[in-house]
Amino acid sequence: MSRSAMTRTLLAAGIVGSLLVAGCGPLSNLLGGSLTTVRLVNDGSYPITVELYIHDDQNVLESLITSVGERITVTVEAGESETITRDCDDLQAIIITDADLNVLGSIGPETDTGVYRDGSDFNCGDTLVFTFTHSLLLLDFDVSFSQQ
């Protein structure tokens, strides 16, 4: 192998290696290791209990995700956040089926979301942020979605 061919080969190997270490690009997706993160942010004055489901098929029907998906239940204290991380292949769809504002024990308003899907609502490697807020009168308890 000529010196210039060897240099080009080493350069290409270095670029591919850098992309894999950084977890970027389609090659890292093929080889696995890319992660999608979910942040549950409680901007309220009371703890919240969140029940959500994730699924490895972005086309899963909303009616099926709760029977065949992975169930995750998390309590997030007032003013705090919780983070859930999954491999991109495992988190292709996500839904919050029940979020309860725990004003008096488990008594308080609740909210939920529709299904968010990889490819249309978020992409592999994104951070999905669900922010929970409520009104002063505790009548309105809402969740908003954004991705980073």
C-alpha atoms as a PDB file:
ATOM      1  CA  MET A   1       0.000   0.000   0.000  1.00  0.00           C
ATOM      2  CA  SER A   2       1.401   3.390  -0.926  1.00  0.00           C
ATOM      3  CA  ARG A   3       2.029   6.019   1.709  1.00  0.00           C
ATOM      4  CA  SER A   4      -0.775   8.301   0.403  1.00  0.00           C
ATOM      5  CA  ALA A   5      -3.270   5.403   0.334  1.00  0.00           C
ATOM      6  CA  MET A   6      -2.330   4.491   3.905  1.00  0.00           C
ATOM      7  CA  THR A   7      -2.740   8.125   4.982  1.00  0.00           C
ATOM      8  CA  ARG A   8      -6.208   8.289   3.398  1.00  0.00           C
ATOM      9  CA  THR A   9      -7.194   5.007   5.084  1.00  0.00           C
ATOM     10  CA  LEU A  10      -6.038   6.218   8.493  1.00  0.00           C
ATOM     11  CA  LEU A  11      -7.800   9.558   8.006  1.00  0.00           C
ATOM     12  CA  ALA A  12     -11.057   7.819   7.063  1.00  0.00           C
ATOM     13  CA  ALA A  13     -10.762   5.479  10.047  1.00  0.00           C
ATOM     14  CA  GLY A  14     -10.188   8.472  12.329  1.00  0.00           C
ATOM     15  CA  ILE A  15     -13.264  10.285  11.032  1.00  0.00           C
ATOM     16  CA  VAL A  16     -15.484   7.196  11.407  1.00  0.00           C
ATOM     17  CA  GLY A  17     -14.095   6.579  14.895  1.00  0.00           C
ATOM     18  CA  SER A  18     -14.767  10.183  15.901  1.00  0.00           C
ATOM     19  CA  LEU A  19     -18.365   9.956  14.714  1.00  0.00           C
ATOM     20  CA  LEU A  20     -18.912   6.731  16.662  1.00  0.00           C
ATOM     21  CA  VAL A  21     -17.426   8.152  19.852  1.00  0.00           C
ATOM     22  CA  ALA A  22     -19.593  11.261  19.507  1.00  0.00           C
ATOM     23  CA  GLY A  23     -22.662   9.089  18.855  1.00  0.00           C
ATOM     24  CA  CYS A  24     -23.447  10.980  15.667  1.00  0.00           C
ATOM     25  CA  GLY A  25     -24.536  10.126  12.200  1.00  0.00           C
ATOM     26  CA  PRO A  26     -26.267   7.244  10.493  1.00  0.00           C
ATOM     27  CA  LEU A  27     -23.323   4.874  11.029  1.00  0.00           C
ATOM     28  CA  SER A  28     -23.670   5.073  14.803  1.00  0.00           C
ATOM     29  CA  ASN A  29     -27.408   4.438  14.445  1.00  0.00           C
ATOM     30  CA  LEU A  30     -26.687   1.252  12.499  1.00  0.00           C
ATOM     31  CA  LEU A  31     -24.194   0.078  15.095  1.00  0.00           C
ATOM     32  CA  GLY A  32     -26.367   1.063  18.072  1.00  0.00           C
ATOM     33  CA  GLY A  33     -25.472   3.229  21.013  1.00  0.00           C
ATOM     34  CA  SER A  34     -27.436   6.369  20.146  1.00  0.00           C
ATOM     35  CA  LEU A  35     -29.705   7.511  22.955  1.00  0.00           C
ATOM     36  CA  THR A  36     -32.929   9.447  23.272  1.00  0.00           C
ATOM     37  CA  THR A  37     -33.523  11.226  26.578  1.00  0.00           C
ATOM     38  CA  VAL A  38     -36.831  12.099  28.232  1.00  0.00           C
ATOM     39  CA  ARG A  39     -36.894  14.913  30.803  1.00  0.00           C
ATOM     40  CA  LEU A  40     -39.931  15.305  33.039  1.00  0.00           C
ATOM     41  CA  VAL A  41     -39.880  18.842  34.460  1.00  0.00           C
ATOM     42  CA  ASN A  42     -42.159  19.784  37.336  1.00  0.00           C
ATOM     43  CA  ASP A  43     -42.602  23.571  37.287  1.00  0.00           C
ATOM     44  CA  GLY A  44     -45.348  23.304  39.895  1.00  0.00           C
ATOM     45  CA  SER A  45     -45.638  23.630  43.657  1.00  0.00           C
ATOM     46  CA  TYR A  46     -46.609  20.018  44.375  1.00  0.00           C
ATOM     47  CA  PRO A  47     -45.165  16.602  43.489  1.00  0.00           C
ATOM     48  CA  ILE A  48     -46.436  14.879  40.359  1.00  0.00           C
ATOM     49  CA  THR A  49     -46.714  11.199  39.558  1.00  0.00           C
ATOM     50  CA  VAL A  50     -46.249  10.418  35.869  1.00  0.00           C
ATOM     51  CA  GLU A  51     -47.158   7.175  34.134  1.00  0.00           C
ATOM     52  CA  LEU A  52     -45.813   6.877  30.612  1.00  0.00           C
ATOM     53  CA  TYR A  53     -45.285   4.182  28.023  1.00  0.00           C
ATOM     54  CA  ILE A  54     -42.593   3.813  25.410  1.00  0.00           C
ATOM     55  CA  HIS A  55     -42.517   1.468  22.437  1.00  0.00           C
ATOM     56  CA  ASP A  56     -39.922   0.317  19.921  1.00  0.00           C
ATOM     57  CA  ASP A  57     -42.240   0.781  16.906  1.00  0.00           C
ATOM     58  CA  GLN A  58     -42.925   4.361  15.830  1.00  0.00           C
ATOM     59  CA  ASN A  59     -46.068   3.202  14.026  1.00  0.00           C
ATOM     60  CA  VAL A  60     -47.657   1.471  17.027  1.00  0.00           C
ATOM     61  CA  LEU A  61     -51.333   2.282  17.419  1.00  0.00           C
ATOM     62  CA  GLU A  62     -52.141   4.533  20.357  1.00  0.00           C
ATOM     63  CA  SER A  63     -54.578   1.918  21.636  1.00  0.00           C
ATOM     64  CA  LEU A  64     -51.810  -0.729  21.720  1.00  0.00           C
ATOM     65  CA  ILE A  65     -48.897   1.169  23.233  1.00  0.00           C
ATOM     66  CA  THR A  66     -50.278   0.777  26.768  1.00  0.00           C
ATOM     67  CA  SER A  67     -50.743  -2.968  26.423  1.00  0.00           C
ATOM     68  CA  VAL A  68     -47.464  -3.856  24.665  1.00  0.00           C
ATOM     69  CA  GLY A  69     -45.117  -0.975  25.521  1.00  0.00           C
ATOM     70  CA  GLU A  70     -42.749  -0.478  28.454  1.00  0.00           C
ATOM     71  CA  ARG A  71     -44.529   1.149  31.403  1.00  0.00           C
ATOM     72  CA  ILE A  72     -42.567   3.696  33.430  1.00  0.00           C
ATOM     73  CA  THR A  73     -43.900   5.405  36.570  1.00  0.00           C
ATOM     74  CA  VAL A  74     -41.969   8.296  38.096  1.00  0.00           C
ATOM     75  CA  THR A  75     -42.651  10.778  40.894  1.00  0.00           C
ATOM     76  CA  VAL A  76     -41.145  14.220  40.338  1.00  0.00           C
ATOM     77  CA  GLU A  77     -40.915  16.540  43.319  1.00  0.00           C
ATOM     78  CA  ALA A  78     -41.993  20.203  43.064  1.00  0.00           C
ATOM     79  CA  GLY A  79     -39.442  22.263  41.164  1.00  0.00           C
ATOM     80  CA  GLU A  80     -37.418  19.178  40.216  1.00  0.00           C
ATOM     81  CA  SER A  81     -36.930  17.080  37.091  1.00  0.00           C
ATOM     82  CA  GLU A  82     -36.342  13.412  36.329  1.00  0.00           C
ATOM     83  CA  THR A  83     -34.470  11.995  33.350  1.00  0.00           C
ATOM     84  CA  ILE A  84     -35.085   8.722  31.515  1.00  0.00           C
ATOM     85  CA  THR A  85     -32.679   7.562  28.798  1.00  0.00           C
ATOM     86  CA  ARG A  86     -33.235   4.762  26.304  1.00  0.00           C
ATOM     87  CA  ASP A  87     -31.544   3.457  23.185  1.00  0.00           C
ATOM     88  CA  CYS A  88     -33.088   5.037  20.082  1.00  0.00           C
ATOM     89  CA  ASP A  89     -34.277   1.630  18.885  1.00  0.00           C
ATOM     90  CA  ASP A  90     -36.236   1.154  22.126  1.00  0.00           C
ATOM     91  CA  LEU A  91     -37.843   4.615  22.217  1.00  0.00           C
ATOM     92  CA  GLN A  92     -39.664   5.078  18.938  1.00  0.00           C
ATOM     93  CA  ALA A  93     -42.981   6.203  20.439  1.00  0.00           C
ATOM     94  CA  ILE A  94     -43.931   7.719  23.796  1.00  0.00           C
ATOM     95  CA  ILE A  95     -47.175   8.655  25.521  1.00  0.00           C
ATOM     96  CA  ILE A  96     -48.000  10.018  28.964  1.00  0.00           C
ATOM     97  CA  THR A  97     -51.187   8.227  29.955  1.00  0.00           C
ATOM     98  CA  ASP A  98     -51.598   9.735  33.401  1.00  0.00           C
ATOM     99  CA  ALA A  99     -49.899  12.587  35.226  1.00  0.00           C
ATOM    100  CA  ASP A 100     -51.322  13.444  38.640  1.00  0.00           C
ATOM    101  CA  LEU A 101     -50.704  16.648  40.556  1.00  0.00           C
ATOM    102  CA  ASN A 102     -50.466  15.397  44.148  1.00  0.00           C
ATOM    103  CA  VAL A 103     -52.007  18.333  46.023  1.00  0.00           C
ATOM    104  CA  LEU A 104     -53.389  16.367  48.956  1.00  0.00           C
ATOM    105  CA  GLY A 105     -51.809  12.918  48.937  1.00  0.00           C
ATOM    106  CA  SER A 106     -52.843  11.527  45.589  1.00  0.00           C
ATOM    107  CA  ILE A 107     -55.766  13.947  45.216  1.00  0.00           C
ATOM    108  CA  GLY A 108     -55.495  16.614  42.551  1.00  0.00           C
ATOM    109  CA  PRO A 109     -55.980  17.311  38.852  1.00  0.00           C
ATOM    110  CA  GLU A 110     -54.525  15.093  36.150  1.00  0.00           C
ATOM    111  CA  THR A 111     -53.405  15.380  32.539  1.00  0.00           C
ATOM    112  CA  ASP A 112     -52.063  13.259  29.687  1.00  0.00           C
ATOM    113  CA  THR A 113     -50.682  13.513  26.146  1.00  0.00           C
ATOM    114  CA  GLY A 114     -51.102  11.926  22.774  1.00  0.00           C
ATOM    115  CA  VAL A 115     -48.399   9.738  21.230  1.00  0.00           C
ATOM    116  CA  TYR A 116     -45.166  11.377  20.102  1.00  0.00           C
ATOM    117  CA  ARG A 117     -43.292   9.481  17.388  1.00  0.00           C
ATOM    118  CA  ASP A 118     -39.718   9.255  16.166  1.00  0.00           C
ATOM    119  CA  GLY A 119     -39.381  10.765  12.711  1.00  0.00           C
ATOM    120  CA  SER A 120     -42.403  13.067  12.937  1.00  0.00           C
ATOM    121  CA  ASP A 121     -42.273  14.569  16.457  1.00  0.00           C
ATOM    122  CA  PHE A 122     -38.652  13.920  17.447  1.00  0.00           C
ATOM    123  CA  ASN A 123     -35.484  12.262  16.176  1.00  0.00           C
ATOM    124  CA  CYS A 124     -32.981   9.801  17.542  1.00  0.00           C
ATOM    125  CA  GLY A 125     -30.616  11.547  19.931  1.00  0.00           C
ATOM    126  CA  ASP A 126     -33.078  14.298  20.874  1.00  0.00           C
ATOM    127  CA  THR A 127     -33.992  15.234  24.413  1.00  0.00           C
ATOM    128  CA  LEU A 128     -37.776  15.132  24.818  1.00  0.00           C
ATOM    129  CA  VAL A 129     -38.905  17.626  27.443  1.00  0.00           C
ATOM    130  CA  PHE A 130     -42.308  17.340  29.110  1.00  0.00           C
ATOM    131  CA  THR A 131     -42.953  20.372  31.328  1.00  0.00           C
ATOM    132  CA  PHE A 132     -45.779  20.260  33.862  1.00  0.00           C
ATOM    133  CA  THR A 133     -47.430  23.473  35.103  1.00  0.00           C
ATOM    134  CA  HIS A 134     -50.562  24.423  37.038  1.00  0.00           C
ATOM    135  CA  SER A 135     -52.565  27.538  37.798  1.00  0.00           C
ATOM    136  CA  LEU A 136     -52.661  29.231  41.201  1.00  0.00           C
ATOM    137  CA  LEU A 137     -56.160  27.877  41.776  1.00  0.00           C
ATOM    138  CA  LEU A 138     -54.957  24.340  40.917  1.00  0.00           C
ATOM    139  CA  LEU A 139     -57.782  23.938  38.408  1.00  0.00           C
ATOM    140  CA  ASP A 140     -55.513  23.805  35.369  1.00  0.00           C
ATOM    141  CA  PHE A 141     -52.788  21.178  35.228  1.00  0.00           C
ATOM    142  CA  ASP A 142     -51.040  21.057  31.873  1.00  0.00           C
ATOM    143  CA  VAL A 143     -48.117  19.380  30.168  1.00  0.00           C
ATOM    144  CA  SER A 144     -46.214  20.882  27.251  1.00  0.00           C
ATOM    145  CA  PHE A 145     -43.799  19.073  24.924  1.00  0.00           C
ATOM    146  CA  SER A 146     -40.612  20.268  23.277  1.00  0.00           C
ATOM    147  CA  GLN A 147     -37.511  18.626  21.903  1.00  0.00           C
ATOM    148  CA  GLN A 148     -33.909  19.691  22.020  1.00  0.00           C
END
